[in-house]
Amino acid sequence: MTKAERYPELVRLWLQRPSEKRTGHDVLAFYGEMEQSHPELLSPRRAADNRYQELHSVLRNHIRWTP
């Protein structure tokens, strides 16, 4: 899958979560869920070191920041 295909799907799945589970702290849990259920949506394995950072970047405009 290309980034153009993966990124919107990641955002769609993120936005399906309840809003209280879309905070900055929840990105790690979501990453784990994606590794288990949709690994094809994450960066290819050769870029494994940056997979979490890339996911966080993709979701940055959709993360609910709490005070």
C-alpha atoms as a PDB file:
ATOM      1  CA  MET A   1       0.000   0.000   0.000  1.00  0.00           C
ATOM      2  CA  THR A   2       1.136   3.530  -0.666  1.00  0.00           C
ATOM      3  CA  LYS A   3       1.179   6.298   1.926  1.00  0.00           C
ATOM      4  CA  ALA A   4      -1.727   7.908   0.083  1.00  0.00           C
ATOM      5  CA  GLU A   5      -3.749   4.750   0.763  1.00  0.00           C
ATOM      6  CA  ARG A   6      -2.483   4.007   4.281  1.00  0.00           C
ATOM      7  CA  TYR A   7      -2.693   7.426   5.892  1.00  0.00           C
ATOM      8  CA  PRO A   8      -6.419   8.119   5.354  1.00  0.00           C
ATOM      9  CA  GLU A   9      -7.262   4.630   6.591  1.00  0.00           C
ATOM     10  CA  LEU A  10      -5.212   5.147   9.753  1.00  0.00           C
ATOM     11  CA  VAL A  11      -6.996   8.431  10.403  1.00  0.00           C
ATOM     12  CA  ARG A  12     -10.380   6.824   9.741  1.00  0.00           C
ATOM     13  CA  LEU A  13      -9.682   4.043  12.236  1.00  0.00           C
ATOM     14  CA  TRP A  14      -8.342   6.540  14.788  1.00  0.00           C
ATOM     15  CA  LEU A  15     -11.463   8.680  14.505  1.00  0.00           C
ATOM     16  CA  GLN A  16     -13.661   5.624  15.111  1.00  0.00           C
ATOM     17  CA  ARG A  17     -12.271   5.455  18.641  1.00  0.00           C
ATOM     18  CA  PRO A  18     -14.232   7.245  21.365  1.00  0.00           C
ATOM     19  CA  SER A  19     -12.962  10.818  21.710  1.00  0.00           C
ATOM     20  CA  GLU A  20     -11.663  10.132  25.224  1.00  0.00           C
ATOM     21  CA  LYS A  21      -9.415   7.438  23.690  1.00  0.00           C
ATOM     22  CA  ARG A  22      -7.869   9.754  21.108  1.00  0.00           C
ATOM     23  CA  THR A  23      -5.393  11.616  23.302  1.00  0.00           C
ATOM     24  CA  GLY A  24      -1.641  11.780  22.928  1.00  0.00           C
ATOM     25  CA  HIS A  25      -1.354   9.015  25.508  1.00  0.00           C
ATOM     26  CA  ASP A  26      -3.580   6.729  23.415  1.00  0.00           C
ATOM     27  CA  VAL A  27      -1.415   6.785  20.298  1.00  0.00           C
ATOM     28  CA  LEU A  28       0.835   4.045  21.692  1.00  0.00           C
ATOM     29  CA  ALA A  29      -2.133   1.768  22.405  1.00  0.00           C
ATOM     30  CA  PHE A  30      -3.492   2.455  18.927  1.00  0.00           C
ATOM     31  CA  TYR A  31      -0.085   1.630  17.465  1.00  0.00           C
ATOM     32  CA  GLY A  32      -0.188  -1.738  19.235  1.00  0.00           C
ATOM     33  CA  GLU A  33      -3.670  -2.388  17.901  1.00  0.00           C
ATOM     34  CA  MET A  34      -2.542  -1.579  14.370  1.00  0.00           C
ATOM     35  CA  GLU A  35       0.482  -3.875  14.681  1.00  0.00           C
ATOM     36  CA  GLN A  36      -1.849  -6.713  15.633  1.00  0.00           C
ATOM     37  CA  SER A  37      -4.861  -6.118  13.394  1.00  0.00           C
ATOM     38  CA  HIS A  38      -3.668  -3.980  10.469  1.00  0.00           C
ATOM     39  CA  PRO A  39       0.128  -4.184  10.123  1.00  0.00           C
ATOM     40  CA  GLU A  40      -0.201  -3.383   6.425  1.00  0.00           C
ATOM     41  CA  LEU A  41      -1.232   0.156   7.394  1.00  0.00           C
ATOM     42  CA  LEU A  42       2.043   0.844   9.191  1.00  0.00           C
ATOM     43  CA  SER A  43       5.351   1.611   7.509  1.00  0.00           C
ATOM     44  CA  PRO A  44       7.080  -1.296   5.839  1.00  0.00           C
ATOM     45  CA  ARG A  45       9.242  -3.384   8.192  1.00  0.00           C
ATOM     46  CA  ARG A  46      12.459  -1.918   6.822  1.00  0.00           C
ATOM     47  CA  ALA A  47      11.397   1.369   8.412  1.00  0.00           C
ATOM     48  CA  ALA A  48      10.387  -0.226  11.717  1.00  0.00           C
ATOM     49  CA  ASP A  49      12.419   2.215  13.815  1.00  0.00           C
ATOM     50  CA  ASN A  50      10.234   5.088  12.652  1.00  0.00           C
ATOM     51  CA  ARG A  51       6.838   3.380  12.531  1.00  0.00           C
ATOM     52  CA  TYR A  52       5.523   4.888  15.758  1.00  0.00           C
ATOM     53  CA  GLN A  53       6.812   8.363  14.908  1.00  0.00           C
ATOM     54  CA  GLU A  54       5.235   8.168  11.474  1.00  0.00           C
ATOM     55  CA  LEU A  55       1.897   7.097  12.960  1.00  0.00           C
ATOM     56  CA  HIS A  56       2.029   9.937  15.479  1.00  0.00           C
ATOM     57  CA  SER A  57       2.760  12.375  12.659  1.00  0.00           C
ATOM     58  CA  VAL A  58      -0.160  11.073  10.588  1.00  0.00           C
ATOM     59  CA  LEU A  59      -2.538  11.473  13.537  1.00  0.00           C
ATOM     60  CA  ARG A  60      -1.177  14.784  14.879  1.00  0.00           C
ATOM     61  CA  ASN A  61      -4.109  16.881  13.632  1.00  0.00           C
ATOM     62  CA  HIS A  62      -6.600  14.405  15.084  1.00  0.00           C
ATOM     63  CA  ILE A  63      -5.176  13.922  18.577  1.00  0.00           C
ATOM     64  CA  ARG A  64      -7.298  15.318  21.396  1.00  0.00           C
ATOM     65  CA  TRP A  65      -4.891  17.187  23.634  1.00  0.00           C
ATOM     66  CA  THR A  66      -5.867  17.370  27.269  1.00  0.00           C
ATOM     67  CA  PRO A  67      -4.624  19.928  29.790  1.00  0.00           C
END
